[in-house]
Amino acid sequence: MQKDKAKYYNLYKRLGTNIRKARKRAKISQEELAFRISSARNYIGCIERAEKAPSLAIISEIAMALNINIEDLFKE
């Protein structure tokens, strides 16, 4: 997985940046987002900093929790 993460780092960086922007637009904390997807706050922070590579299921849950389309999380 670590090798794949390095290969797709720019994608994960964009994903994390877009999650952070959407979360801030929604005016919710990392803690609140984590609660909405039954996760830990530090995991949300790791995703936003591209330190973790979330599964498609987690990405989908984040999009639903933020009331946005999953595609919006990958836009440049």
PDB file of N, CA and C in Angstrom:
ATOM      1  N   MET A   1       0.821  -1.200   0.000  1.00  0.00           N
ATOM      2  CA  MET A   1       0.000   0.000   0.000  1.00  0.00           C
ATOM      3  C   MET A   1       0.860   1.257   0.000  1.00  0.00           C
ATOM      4  N   GLN A   2       1.967   1.250   0.723  1.00  0.00           N
ATOM      5  CA  GLN A   2       2.833   2.426   0.779  1.00  0.00           C
ATOM      6  C   GLN A   2       3.353   2.791  -0.602  1.00  0.00           C
ATOM      7  N   LYS A   3       3.716   1.803  -1.397  1.00  0.00           N
ATOM      8  CA  LYS A   3       4.197   2.056  -2.753  1.00  0.00           C
ATOM      9  C   LYS A   3       3.093   2.697  -3.590  1.00  0.00           C
ATOM     10  N   ASP A   4       1.868   2.182  -3.475  1.00  0.00           N
ATOM     11  CA  ASP A   4       0.741   2.756  -4.202  1.00  0.00           C
ATOM     12  C   ASP A   4       0.460   4.179  -3.756  1.00  0.00           C
ATOM     13  N   LYS A   5       0.585   4.446  -2.456  1.00  0.00           N
ATOM     14  CA  LYS A   5       0.340   5.785  -1.939  1.00  0.00           C
ATOM     15  C   LYS A   5       1.299   6.780  -2.573  1.00  0.00           C
ATOM     16  N   ALA A   6       2.560   6.416  -2.670  1.00  0.00           N
ATOM     17  CA  ALA A   6       3.549   7.297  -3.286  1.00  0.00           C
ATOM     18  C   ALA A   6       3.210   7.538  -4.766  1.00  0.00           C
ATOM     19  N   LYS A   7       2.767   6.495  -5.423  1.00  0.00           N
ATOM     20  CA  LYS A   7       2.422   6.599  -6.840  1.00  0.00           C
ATOM     21  C   LYS A   7       1.268   7.564  -7.065  1.00  0.00           C
ATOM     22  N   TYR A   8       0.327   7.582  -6.135  1.00  0.00           N
ATOM     23  CA  TYR A   8      -0.872   8.405  -6.286  1.00  0.00           C
ATOM     24  C   TYR A   8      -0.904   9.584  -5.317  1.00  0.00           C
ATOM     25  N   TYR A   9       0.248  10.027  -4.847  1.00  0.00           N
ATOM     26  CA  TYR A   9       0.308  11.078  -3.837  1.00  0.00           C
ATOM     27  C   TYR A   9      -0.456  12.328  -4.253  1.00  0.00           C
ATOM     28  N   ASN A  10      -0.298  12.775  -5.490  1.00  0.00           N
ATOM     29  CA  ASN A  10      -0.974  14.002  -5.929  1.00  0.00           C
ATOM     30  C   ASN A  10      -2.493  13.859  -5.877  1.00  0.00           C
ATOM     31  N   LEU A  11      -2.990  12.676  -6.186  1.00  0.00           N
ATOM     32  CA  LEU A  11      -4.430  12.424  -6.104  1.00  0.00           C
ATOM     33  C   LEU A  11      -4.896  12.505  -4.647  1.00  0.00           C
ATOM     34  N   TYR A  12      -4.150  11.884  -3.736  1.00  0.00           N
ATOM     35  CA  TYR A  12      -4.516  11.919  -2.325  1.00  0.00           C
ATOM     36  C   TYR A  12      -4.382  13.330  -1.756  1.00  0.00           C
ATOM     37  N   LYS A  13      -3.406  14.086  -2.226  1.00  0.00           N
ATOM     38  CA  LYS A  13      -3.229  15.461  -1.786  1.00  0.00           C
ATOM     39  C   LYS A  13      -4.425  16.307  -2.217  1.00  0.00           C
ATOM     40  N   ARG A  14      -4.854  16.149  -3.465  1.00  0.00           N
ATOM     41  CA  ARG A  14      -6.023  16.874  -3.977  1.00  0.00           C
ATOM     42  C   ARG A  14      -7.270  16.471  -3.189  1.00  0.00           C
ATOM     43  N   LEU A  15      -7.434  15.175  -2.952  1.00  0.00           N
ATOM     44  CA  LEU A  15      -8.570  14.680  -2.181  1.00  0.00           C
ATOM     45  C   LEU A  15      -8.590  15.324  -0.796  1.00  0.00           C
ATOM     46  N   GLY A  16      -7.469  15.310  -0.115  1.00  0.00           N
ATOM     47  CA  GLY A  16      -7.392  15.890   1.226  1.00  0.00           C
ATOM     48  C   GLY A  16      -7.688  17.373   1.242  1.00  0.00           C
ATOM     49  N   THR A  17      -7.157  18.082   0.275  1.00  0.00           N
ATOM     50  CA  THR A  17      -7.398  19.521   0.175  1.00  0.00           C
ATOM     51  C   THR A  17      -8.880  19.794  -0.055  1.00  0.00           C
ATOM     52  N   ASN A  18      -9.495  19.022  -0.930  1.00  0.00           N
ATOM     53  CA  ASN A  18     -10.916  19.226  -1.226  1.00  0.00           C
ATOM     54  C   ASN A  18     -11.802  18.849  -0.043  1.00  0.00           C
ATOM     55  N   ILE A  19     -11.422  17.832   0.701  1.00  0.00           N
ATOM     56  CA  ILE A  19     -12.179  17.484   1.906  1.00  0.00           C
ATOM     57  C   ILE A  19     -12.094  18.625   2.904  1.00  0.00           C
ATOM     58  N   ARG A  20     -10.893  19.155   3.115  1.00  0.00           N
ATOM     59  CA  ARG A  20     -10.712  20.256   4.065  1.00  0.00           C
ATOM     60  C   ARG A  20     -11.550  21.466   3.646  1.00  0.00           C
ATOM     61  N   LYS A  21     -11.502  21.824   2.362  1.00  0.00           N
ATOM     62  CA  LYS A  21     -12.273  22.977   1.881  1.00  0.00           C
ATOM     63  C   LYS A  21     -13.771  22.757   2.074  1.00  0.00           C
ATOM     64  N   ALA A  22     -14.257  21.576   1.723  1.00  0.00           N
ATOM     65  CA  ALA A  22     -15.687  21.274   1.861  1.00  0.00           C
ATOM     66  C   ALA A  22     -16.100  21.271   3.335  1.00  0.00           C
ATOM     67  N   ARG A  23     -15.231  20.745   4.183  1.00  0.00           N
ATOM     68  CA  ARG A  23     -15.520  20.711   5.617  1.00  0.00           C
ATOM     69  C   ARG A  23     -15.604  22.117   6.180  1.00  0.00           C
ATOM     70  N   LYS A  24     -14.691  22.977   5.768  1.00  0.00           N
ATOM     71  CA  LYS A  24     -14.698  24.360   6.249  1.00  0.00           C
ATOM     72  C   LYS A  24     -15.907  25.124   5.711  1.00  0.00           C
ATOM     73  N   ARG A  25     -16.276  24.864   4.445  1.00  0.00           N
ATOM     74  CA  ARG A  25     -17.484  25.491   3.893  1.00  0.00           C
ATOM     75  C   ARG A  25     -18.719  25.069   4.689  1.00  0.00           C
ATOM     76  N   ALA A  26     -18.738  23.821   5.116  1.00  0.00           N
ATOM     77  CA  ALA A  26     -19.853  23.299   5.914  1.00  0.00           C
ATOM     78  C   ALA A  26     -19.774  23.760   7.369  1.00  0.00           C
ATOM     79  N   LYS A  27     -18.664  24.412   7.720  1.00  0.00           N
ATOM     80  CA  LYS A  27     -18.439  24.935   9.072  1.00  0.00           C
ATOM     81  C   LYS A  27     -18.513  23.840  10.133  1.00  0.00           C
ATOM     82  N   ILE A  28     -17.822  22.731   9.826  1.00  0.00           N
ATOM     83  CA  ILE A  28     -17.735  21.656  10.813  1.00  0.00           C
ATOM     84  C   ILE A  28     -16.267  21.337  11.084  1.00  0.00           C
ATOM     85  N   SER A  29     -16.017  20.846  12.260  1.00  0.00           N
ATOM     86  CA  SER A  29     -14.652  20.500  12.662  1.00  0.00           C
ATOM     87  C   SER A  29     -14.287  19.111  12.160  1.00  0.00           C
ATOM     88  N   GLN A  30     -13.007  18.806  12.248  1.00  0.00           N
ATOM     89  CA  GLN A  30     -12.560  17.445  11.939  1.00  0.00           C
ATOM     90  C   GLN A  30     -13.250  16.460  12.871  1.00  0.00           C
ATOM     91  N   GLU A  31     -13.412  16.856  14.099  1.00  0.00           N
ATOM     92  CA  GLU A  31     -14.050  15.994  15.086  1.00  0.00           C
ATOM     93  C   GLU A  31     -15.500  15.691  14.689  1.00  0.00           C
ATOM     94  N   GLU A  32     -16.225  16.708  14.245  1.00  0.00           N
ATOM     95  CA  GLU A  32     -17.613  16.511  13.831  1.00  0.00           C
ATOM     96  C   GLU A  32     -17.694  15.620  12.593  1.00  0.00           C
ATOM     97  N   LEU A  33     -16.817  15.842  11.629  1.00  0.00           N
ATOM     98  CA  LEU A  33     -16.805  15.000  10.430  1.00  0.00           C
ATOM     99  C   LEU A  33     -16.502  13.558  10.822  1.00  0.00           C
ATOM    100  N   ALA A  34     -15.542  13.378  11.680  1.00  0.00           N
ATOM    101  CA  ALA A  34     -15.189  12.031  12.148  1.00  0.00           C
ATOM    102  C   ALA A  34     -16.390  11.368  12.818  1.00  0.00           C
ATOM    103  N   PHE A  35     -17.100  12.119  13.645  1.00  0.00           N
ATOM    104  CA  PHE A  35     -18.283  11.587  14.314  1.00  0.00           C
ATOM    105  C   PHE A  35     -19.321  11.140  13.288  1.00  0.00           C
ATOM    106  N   ARG A  36     -19.524  11.958  12.255  1.00  0.00           N
ATOM    107  CA  ARG A  36     -20.529  11.652  11.234  1.00  0.00           C
ATOM    108  C   ARG A  36     -20.218  10.382  10.451  1.00  0.00           C
ATOM    109  N   ILE A  37     -18.938  10.037  10.350  1.00  0.00           N
ATOM    110  CA  ILE A  37     -18.584   8.822   9.605  1.00  0.00           C
ATOM    111  C   ILE A  37     -18.092   7.714  10.537  1.00  0.00           C
ATOM    112  N   SER A  38     -18.295   7.890  11.823  1.00  0.00           N
ATOM    113  CA  SER A  38     -17.888   6.899  12.832  1.00  0.00           C
ATOM    114  C   SER A  38     -16.397   6.573  12.737  1.00  0.00           C
ATOM    115  N   SER A  39     -15.600   7.634  12.780  1.00  0.00           N
ATOM    116  CA  SER A  39     -14.149   7.485  12.678  1.00  0.00           C
ATOM    117  C   SER A  39     -13.494   8.340  13.759  1.00  0.00           C
ATOM    118  N   ALA A  40     -12.184   8.413  13.716  1.00  0.00           N
ATOM    119  CA  ALA A  40     -11.429   9.225  14.678  1.00  0.00           C
ATOM    120  C   ALA A  40     -11.006  10.546  14.042  1.00  0.00           C
ATOM    121  N   ARG A  41     -10.955  11.597  14.862  1.00  0.00           N
ATOM    122  CA  ARG A  41     -10.578  12.923  14.363  1.00  0.00           C
ATOM    123  C   ARG A  41      -9.187  12.907  13.729  1.00  0.00           C
ATOM    124  N   ASN A  42      -8.247  12.204  14.352  1.00  0.00           N
ATOM    125  CA  ASN A  42      -6.895  12.197  13.806  1.00  0.00           C
ATOM    126  C   ASN A  42      -6.848  11.505  12.439  1.00  0.00           C
ATOM    127  N   TYR A  43      -7.766  10.578  12.178  1.00  0.00           N
ATOM    128  CA  TYR A  43      -7.822   9.936  10.861  1.00  0.00           C
ATOM    129  C   TYR A  43      -8.237  10.952   9.795  1.00  0.00           C
ATOM    130  N   ILE A  44      -9.194  11.816  10.118  1.00  0.00           N
ATOM    131  CA  ILE A  44      -9.619  12.865   9.177  1.00  0.00           C
ATOM    132  C   ILE A  44      -8.436  13.778   8.893  1.00  0.00           C
ATOM    133  N   GLY A  45      -7.705  14.153   9.924  1.00  0.00           N
ATOM    134  CA  GLY A  45      -6.518  14.995   9.737  1.00  0.00           C
ATOM    135  C   GLY A  45      -5.490  14.331   8.845  1.00  0.00           C
ATOM    136  N   CYS A  46      -5.276  13.046   9.029  1.00  0.00           N
ATOM    137  CA  CYS A  46      -4.319  12.312   8.192  1.00  0.00           C
ATOM    138  C   CYS A  46      -4.774  12.269   6.738  1.00  0.00           C
ATOM    139  N   ILE A  47      -6.054  12.107   6.516  1.00  0.00           N
ATOM    140  CA  ILE A  47      -6.582  12.114   5.147  1.00  0.00           C
ATOM    141  C   ILE A  47      -6.380  13.492   4.531  1.00  0.00           C
ATOM    142  N   GLU A  48      -6.708  14.542   5.274  1.00  0.00           N
ATOM    143  CA  GLU A  48      -6.573  15.906   4.760  1.00  0.00           C
ATOM    144  C   GLU A  48      -5.121  16.256   4.442  1.00  0.00           C
ATOM    145  N   ARG A  49      -4.174  15.679   5.161  1.00  0.00           N
ATOM    146  CA  ARG A  49      -2.751  15.932   4.911  1.00  0.00           C
ATOM    147  C   ARG A  49      -2.129  14.912   3.954  1.00  0.00           C
ATOM    148  N   ALA A  50      -2.951  14.042   3.403  1.00  0.00           N
ATOM    149  CA  ALA A  50      -2.510  12.998   2.459  1.00  0.00           C
ATOM    150  C   ALA A  50      -1.513  12.027   3.106  1.00  0.00           C
ATOM    151  N   GLU A  51      -1.680  11.801   4.389  1.00  0.00           N
ATOM    152  CA  GLU A  51      -0.835  10.835   5.099  1.00  0.00           C
ATOM    153  C   GLU A  51      -1.459   9.446   5.109  1.00  0.00           C
ATOM    154  N   LYS A  52      -2.752   9.377   4.854  1.00  0.00           N
ATOM    155  CA  LYS A  52      -3.483   8.107   4.795  1.00  0.00           C
ATOM    156  C   LYS A  52      -4.214   8.036   3.462  1.00  0.00           C
ATOM    157  N   ALA A  53      -4.345   6.833   2.955  1.00  0.00           N
ATOM    158  CA  ALA A  53      -5.064   6.588   1.709  1.00  0.00           C
ATOM    159  C   ALA A  53      -6.402   5.927   2.054  1.00  0.00           C
ATOM    160  N   PRO A  54      -7.480   6.713   2.111  1.00  0.00           N
ATOM    161  CA  PRO A  54      -8.765   6.149   2.513  1.00  0.00           C
ATOM    162  C   PRO A  54      -9.364   5.253   1.439  1.00  0.00           C
ATOM    163  N   SER A  55     -10.189   4.312   1.890  1.00  0.00           N
ATOM    164  CA  SER A  55     -10.877   3.429   0.949  1.00  0.00           C
ATOM    165  C   SER A  55     -11.980   4.211   0.235  1.00  0.00           C
ATOM    166  N   LEU A  56     -12.464   3.642  -0.833  1.00  0.00           N
ATOM    167  CA  LEU A  56     -13.565   4.252  -1.570  1.00  0.00           C
ATOM    168  C   LEU A  56     -14.799   4.362  -0.679  1.00  0.00           C
ATOM    169  N   ALA A  57     -15.019   3.382   0.179  1.00  0.00           N
ATOM    170  CA  ALA A  57     -16.159   3.424   1.098  1.00  0.00           C
ATOM    171  C   ALA A  57     -16.060   4.623   2.035  1.00  0.00           C
ATOM    172  N   ILE A  58     -14.872   4.886   2.576  1.00  0.00           N
ATOM    173  CA  ILE A  58     -14.677   6.036   3.473  1.00  0.00           C
ATOM    174  C   ILE A  58     -14.852   7.338   2.707  1.00  0.00           C
ATOM    175  N   ILE A  59     -14.312   7.408   1.496  1.00  0.00           N
ATOM    176  CA  ILE A  59     -14.469   8.612   0.672  1.00  0.00           C
ATOM    177  C   ILE A  59     -15.946   8.875   0.415  1.00  0.00           C
ATOM    178  N   SER A  60     -16.686   7.828   0.124  1.00  0.00           N
ATOM    179  CA  SER A  60     -18.122   7.953  -0.106  1.00  0.00           C
ATOM    180  C   SER A  60     -18.835   8.446   1.151  1.00  0.00           C
ATOM    181  N   GLU A  61     -18.479   7.909   2.310  1.00  0.00           N
ATOM    182  CA  GLU A  61     -19.084   8.343   3.572  1.00  0.00           C
ATOM    183  C   GLU A  61     -18.777   9.806   3.858  1.00  0.00           C
ATOM    184  N   ILE A  62     -17.553  10.223   3.567  1.00  0.00           N
ATOM    185  CA  ILE A  62     -17.167  11.624   3.777  1.00  0.00           C
ATOM    186  C   ILE A  62     -18.005  12.530   2.876  1.00  0.00           C
ATOM    187  N   ALA A  63     -18.144  12.167   1.608  1.00  0.00           N
ATOM    188  CA  ALA A  63     -18.939  12.966   0.680  1.00  0.00           C
ATOM    189  C   ALA A  63     -20.387  13.083   1.177  1.00  0.00           C
ATOM    190  N   MET A  64     -20.960  11.981   1.613  1.00  0.00           N
ATOM    191  CA  MET A  64     -22.336  12.014   2.128  1.00  0.00           C
ATOM    192  C   MET A  64     -22.437  12.883   3.377  1.00  0.00           C
ATOM    193  N   ALA A  65     -21.448  12.775   4.262  1.00  0.00           N
ATOM    194  CA  ALA A  65     -21.457  13.568   5.497  1.00  0.00           C
ATOM    195  C   ALA A  65     -21.337  15.062   5.209  1.00  0.00           C
ATOM    196  N   LEU A  66     -20.683  15.401   4.107  1.00  0.00           N
ATOM    197  CA  LEU A  66     -20.501  16.802   3.724  1.00  0.00           C
ATOM    198  C   LEU A  66     -21.577  17.278   2.744  1.00  0.00           C
ATOM    199  N   ASN A  67     -22.500  16.389   2.396  1.00  0.00           N
ATOM    200  CA  ASN A  67     -23.579  16.702   1.450  1.00  0.00           C
ATOM    201  C   ASN A  67     -23.060  17.204   0.104  1.00  0.00           C
ATOM    202  N   ILE A  68     -22.041  16.501  -0.408  1.00  0.00           N
ATOM    203  CA  ILE A  68     -21.505  16.832  -1.725  1.00  0.00           C
ATOM    204  C   ILE A  68     -21.376  15.549  -2.534  1.00  0.00           C
ATOM    205  N   ASN A  69     -21.197  15.711  -3.832  1.00  0.00           N
ATOM    206  CA  ASN A  69     -20.976  14.552  -4.705  1.00  0.00           C
ATOM    207  C   ASN A  69     -19.552  14.072  -4.535  1.00  0.00           C
ATOM    208  N   ILE A  70     -19.378  12.779  -4.599  1.00  0.00           N
ATOM    209  CA  ILE A  70     -18.049  12.188  -4.452  1.00  0.00           C
ATOM    210  C   ILE A  70     -17.086  12.731  -5.516  1.00  0.00           C
ATOM    211  N   GLU A  71     -17.602  13.026  -6.702  1.00  0.00           N
ATOM    212  CA  GLU A  71     -16.760  13.559  -7.773  1.00  0.00           C
ATOM    213  C   GLU A  71     -16.118  14.899  -7.375  1.00  0.00           C
ATOM    214  N   ASP A  72     -16.838  15.679  -6.574  1.00  0.00           N
ATOM    215  CA  ASP A  72     -16.325  16.981  -6.155  1.00  0.00           C
ATOM    216  C   ASP A  72     -15.058  16.864  -5.316  1.00  0.00           C
ATOM    217  N   LEU A  73     -14.860  15.730  -4.694  1.00  0.00           N
ATOM    218  CA  LEU A  73     -13.674  15.549  -3.870  1.00  0.00           C
ATOM    219  C   LEU A  73     -12.410  15.309  -4.702  1.00  0.00           C
ATOM    220  N   PHE A  74     -12.573  15.066  -5.992  1.00  0.00           N
ATOM    221  CA  PHE A  74     -11.419  14.799  -6.851  1.00  0.00           C
ATOM    222  C   PHE A  74     -11.154  15.902  -7.876  1.00  0.00           C
ATOM    223  N   LYS A  75     -11.974  16.930  -7.878  1.00  0.00           N
ATOM    224  CA  LYS A  75     -11.811  18.018  -8.855  1.00  0.00           C
ATOM    225  C   LYS A  75     -10.604  18.885  -8.517  1.00  0.00           C
ATOM    226  N   GLU A  76      -9.982  19.375  -9.571  1.00  0.00           N
ATOM    227  CA  GLU A  76      -8.833  20.282  -9.374  1.00  0.00           C
ATOM    228  C   GLU A  76      -9.317  21.700  -9.224  1.00  0.00           C
TER     229      GLU A  76
END
